[in-house]
Protein backbone atom coordinates (compact mmCIF):
# COMPACT_ATOMS: atom_id res chain seq x y z
CA UNK A 1 -7.18 -18.29 -5.90
CA UNK A 2 -3.54 -17.32 -5.71
CA UNK A 3 -2.76 -13.84 -4.46
CA UNK A 4 -0.12 -13.25 -7.14
CA UNK A 5 -2.56 -13.13 -10.05
CA UNK A 6 -4.74 -10.36 -8.63
CA UNK A 7 -3.52 -6.85 -9.54
CA UNK A 8 -2.57 -4.88 -6.44
CA UNK A 9 -4.62 -1.79 -7.35
CA UNK A 10 -8.35 -2.49 -7.17
CA UNK A 11 -9.28 1.16 -7.80
CA UNK A 12 -10.44 0.41 -11.39
CA UNK A 13 -13.04 -2.01 -9.98
CA UNK A 14 -14.34 0.69 -7.61
CA UNK A 15 -14.57 3.18 -10.48
CA UNK A 16 -16.48 0.59 -12.50
CA UNK A 17 -18.93 0.09 -9.59
CA UNK A 18 -19.62 3.83 -9.43
CA UNK A 19 -20.06 3.92 -13.19
CA UNK A 20 -22.43 0.94 -13.14
CA UNK A 21 -24.64 2.44 -10.43
CA UNK A 22 -24.52 5.92 -11.99
CA UNK A 23 -25.52 4.67 -15.43
CA UNK A 24 -28.41 2.74 -13.83
CA UNK A 25 -29.68 5.63 -11.67
CA UNK A 26 -29.36 8.36 -14.30
CA UNK A 27 -30.23 6.19 -17.33
CA UNK A 28 -26.98 7.16 -19.04
CA UNK A 29 -24.46 5.15 -20.96
CA UNK A 30 -21.54 3.87 -18.86
CA UNK A 31 -18.31 5.84 -19.24
CA UNK A 32 -15.93 2.97 -18.44
CA UNK A 33 -15.54 -0.50 -19.83
CA UNK A 34 -14.64 -3.34 -17.49
CA UNK A 35 -10.92 -3.07 -16.56
CA UNK A 36 -9.00 -5.44 -18.83
CA UNK A 37 -6.48 -6.46 -16.12
CA UNK A 38 -9.34 -8.17 -14.22
CA UNK A 39 -11.09 -9.80 -17.19
CA UNK A 40 -9.76 -13.33 -16.65
CA UNK A 41 -9.96 -13.37 -12.85
CA UNK A 42 -12.56 -15.33 -10.90
CA UNK A 43 -12.91 -15.10 -7.13
CA UNK A 44 -15.43 -14.42 -4.36
CA UNK A 45 -16.17 -10.75 -3.71
CA UNK A 46 -18.17 -8.21 -1.76
CA UNK A 47 -19.23 -4.69 -2.78
CA UNK A 48 -19.89 -2.24 0.07
CA UNK A 49 -21.53 1.17 -0.25
CA UNK A 50 -21.34 3.81 2.48
CA UNK A 51 -22.58 7.38 2.57
CA UNK A 52 -20.82 10.36 4.13
CA UNK A 53 -22.46 11.92 7.10
CA UNK A 54 -21.09 14.45 9.58
CA UNK A 55 -19.71 11.95 12.10
CA UNK A 56 -18.72 8.80 10.22
CA UNK A 57 -19.56 6.88 7.07
CA UNK A 58 -22.90 5.09 7.30
CA UNK A 59 -23.44 1.69 5.69
CA UNK A 60 -25.88 1.77 2.76
CA UNK A 61 -25.43 -1.73 1.38
CA UNK A 62 -23.06 -4.67 1.42
CA UNK A 63 -23.65 -7.86 -0.53
CA UNK A 64 -21.34 -10.31 -2.21
CA UNK A 65 -20.79 -13.91 -3.10
CA UNK A 66 -18.51 -16.73 -2.06
CA UNK A 67 -18.81 -18.28 -5.52
CA UNK A 68 -15.55 -18.42 -7.44
CA UNK A 69 -16.98 -16.72 -10.52
CA UNK A 70 -15.86 -14.19 -13.11
CA UNK A 71 -15.27 -10.66 -11.82
CA UNK A 72 -16.39 -9.36 -15.22
CA UNK A 73 -19.83 -10.85 -14.51
CA UNK A 74 -20.04 -10.33 -10.76
CA UNK A 75 -18.64 -6.81 -10.23
CA UNK A 76 -21.46 -5.06 -12.15
CA UNK A 77 -24.02 -7.52 -10.78
CA UNK A 78 -23.07 -6.95 -7.13
CA UNK A 79 -22.51 -3.20 -7.60
CA UNK A 80 -26.26 -3.02 -8.29
CA UNK A 81 -27.48 -5.72 -5.90
CA UNK A 82 -25.58 -4.23 -2.94
CA UNK A 83 -26.75 -0.68 -3.69
CA UNK A 84 -30.38 -1.41 -4.57
CA UNK A 85 -31.39 -4.73 -2.99
CA UNK A 86 -29.77 -5.02 0.44
CA UNK A 87 -32.91 -5.78 2.48
CA UNK A 88 -31.55 -3.86 5.49
CA UNK A 89 -31.73 -0.54 3.61
CA UNK A 90 -33.83 1.40 1.14
CA UNK A 91 -32.34 1.48 -2.39
CA UNK A 92 -29.67 4.13 -2.93
CA UNK A 93 -31.19 7.20 -4.59
CA UNK A 94 -29.96 9.68 -7.22
CA UNK A 95 -29.78 12.33 -4.50
CA UNK A 96 -27.31 10.24 -2.48
CA UNK A 97 -25.01 9.38 -5.39
CA UNK A 98 -22.51 12.24 -4.95
CA UNK A 99 -22.09 11.45 -1.24
CA UNK A 100 -21.26 7.77 -1.67
CA UNK A 101 -18.14 5.71 -1.15
CA UNK A 102 -17.68 2.24 -2.59
CA UNK A 103 -15.37 -0.55 -1.49
CA UNK A 104 -14.58 -3.75 -3.35
CA UNK A 105 -13.20 -6.74 -1.44
CA UNK A 106 -11.78 -9.71 -3.35
CA UNK A 107 -11.67 -12.76 -1.09
CA UNK A 108 -8.68 -15.14 -1.19
CA UNK A 109 -6.85 -17.85 0.76
CA UNK A 110 -9.81 -19.80 2.14
CA UNK A 111 -8.82 -22.30 4.85
CA UNK A 112 -10.67 -24.46 7.35
CA UNK A 113 -10.05 -23.29 10.90
CA UNK A 114 -8.96 -25.91 13.45
CA UNK A 115 -11.56 -24.41 15.81
CA UNK A 116 -13.60 -21.19 16.13
CA UNK A 117 -10.60 -19.27 17.47
CA UNK A 118 -8.18 -20.25 14.66
CA UNK A 119 -7.99 -16.81 12.99
CA UNK A 120 -6.48 -13.36 13.58
CA UNK A 121 -8.39 -10.09 14.08
CA UNK A 122 -7.56 -7.68 11.25
CA UNK A 123 -6.06 -10.41 9.07
CA UNK A 124 -8.86 -12.89 8.47
CA UNK A 125 -12.48 -12.72 7.54
CA UNK A 126 -14.47 -15.59 8.98
CA UNK A 127 -17.48 -17.59 7.92
CA UNK A 128 -19.20 -19.84 10.45
CA UNK A 129 -21.55 -22.78 10.01
CA UNK A 130 -23.68 -24.28 12.78
CA UNK A 131 -26.65 -26.53 12.02
CA UNK A 132 -28.69 -24.55 9.45
CA UNK A 133 -27.07 -21.25 10.40
CA UNK A 134 -24.23 -19.45 8.65
CA UNK A 135 -22.84 -15.92 8.51
CA UNK A 136 -19.66 -14.05 7.66
CA UNK A 137 -17.72 -10.95 8.60
CA UNK A 138 -15.12 -9.50 6.22
CA UNK A 139 -11.56 -9.11 7.58
CA UNK A 140 -11.93 -5.43 8.47
CA UNK A 141 -15.12 -5.75 10.55
CA UNK A 142 -13.68 -6.97 13.86
CA UNK A 143 -10.79 -4.52 13.71
CA UNK A 144 -13.01 -1.53 12.84
CA UNK A 145 -15.43 -2.41 15.65
CA UNK A 146 -12.53 -3.05 18.07
CA UNK A 147 -13.87 -6.50 18.89
CA UNK A 148 -11.80 -9.37 20.24
CA UNK A 149 -12.29 -12.89 18.86
CA UNK A 150 -14.96 -13.90 21.38
CA UNK A 151 -17.05 -10.75 20.82
CA UNK A 152 -16.74 -11.12 17.04
CA UNK A 153 -17.93 -14.73 17.19
CA UNK A 154 -20.86 -13.81 19.45
CA UNK A 155 -22.00 -11.13 16.99
CA UNK A 156 -21.49 -13.46 14.05
CA UNK A 157 -23.55 -16.20 15.68
CA UNK A 158 -26.29 -13.64 16.31
CA UNK A 159 -26.04 -12.39 12.71
CA UNK A 160 -26.60 -15.97 11.50
CA UNK A 161 -29.94 -16.04 13.31
CA UNK A 162 -28.80 -18.50 15.96
CA UNK A 163 -29.76 -17.54 19.53
CA UNK A 164 -27.58 -20.11 21.31
CA UNK A 165 -24.71 -18.96 23.53
CA UNK A 166 -21.24 -19.25 21.97
CA UNK A 167 -19.91 -21.27 24.92
CA UNK A 168 -22.57 -23.95 24.35
CA UNK A 169 -22.02 -24.39 20.62
CA UNK A 170 -18.37 -23.40 19.97
CA UNK A 171 -17.13 -26.98 19.64
CA UNK A 172 -19.80 -27.70 17.00
CA UNK A 173 -19.25 -24.58 14.90
CA UNK A 174 -17.27 -25.01 11.68
CA UNK A 175 -15.14 -22.00 10.77
CA UNK A 176 -13.58 -20.99 7.46
CA UNK A 177 -11.08 -18.16 7.49
CA UNK A 178 -10.05 -16.06 4.50
CA UNK A 179 -8.26 -12.87 3.57
CA UNK A 180 -9.13 -10.05 1.23
CA UNK A 181 -7.75 -7.43 -1.07
CA UNK A 182 -9.73 -4.25 -0.65
CA UNK A 183 -9.95 -0.81 -2.21
CA UNK A 184 -12.28 2.04 -1.33
CA UNK A 185 -12.96 5.29 -3.15
CA UNK A 186 -15.27 8.27 -2.69
CA UNK A 187 -17.45 9.86 -5.33
CA UNK A 188 -14.91 12.72 -5.71
CA UNK A 189 -12.29 10.13 -6.80
CA UNK A 190 -14.69 8.79 -9.41
CA UNK A 191 -15.51 12.33 -10.54
CA UNK A 192 -11.80 13.05 -11.18
CA UNK A 193 -11.64 10.11 -13.59
CA UNK A 194 -14.59 11.45 -15.58
CA UNK A 195 -12.62 14.52 -16.67
């Protein structure tokens, strides 16, 4: 997918995610229709929900797809899957709704890496494949965690379920790097658009 055809402001997609989850939780009709500027765009995506707590935002769900499919289909689908069916967490509740933040990441510029170190922290997301194992981290993960490349790869290998040491398998790991467009809003931003 070419960067130039994706609108720069992804806020309407975040608003639509809030609206989708809110209409599901409270059994109300959605307030927003799908944003028309994204109707004809297909690309991989992730939807991430966090909840405000006193120290820092806490992850409540993050699921997406690498399939190059319609955003009109996948944004509402993954808004609900990531908030209600991420197996690491209990489903998001009505009581949590007003404390949520949502982020939408549209994934672009997929390239095969020459080796496992052929990517830049803060610029690229990475997906690794080794035997029957695979896992991914979005571009912001390594930077937010203050990991270097080696540490990021070690965590990613562990996330995949593989228990081998990176040094032993690095030459056999296939890496795909990618970039993303991302927007994040809090419930209060969504609430402003309801008025």
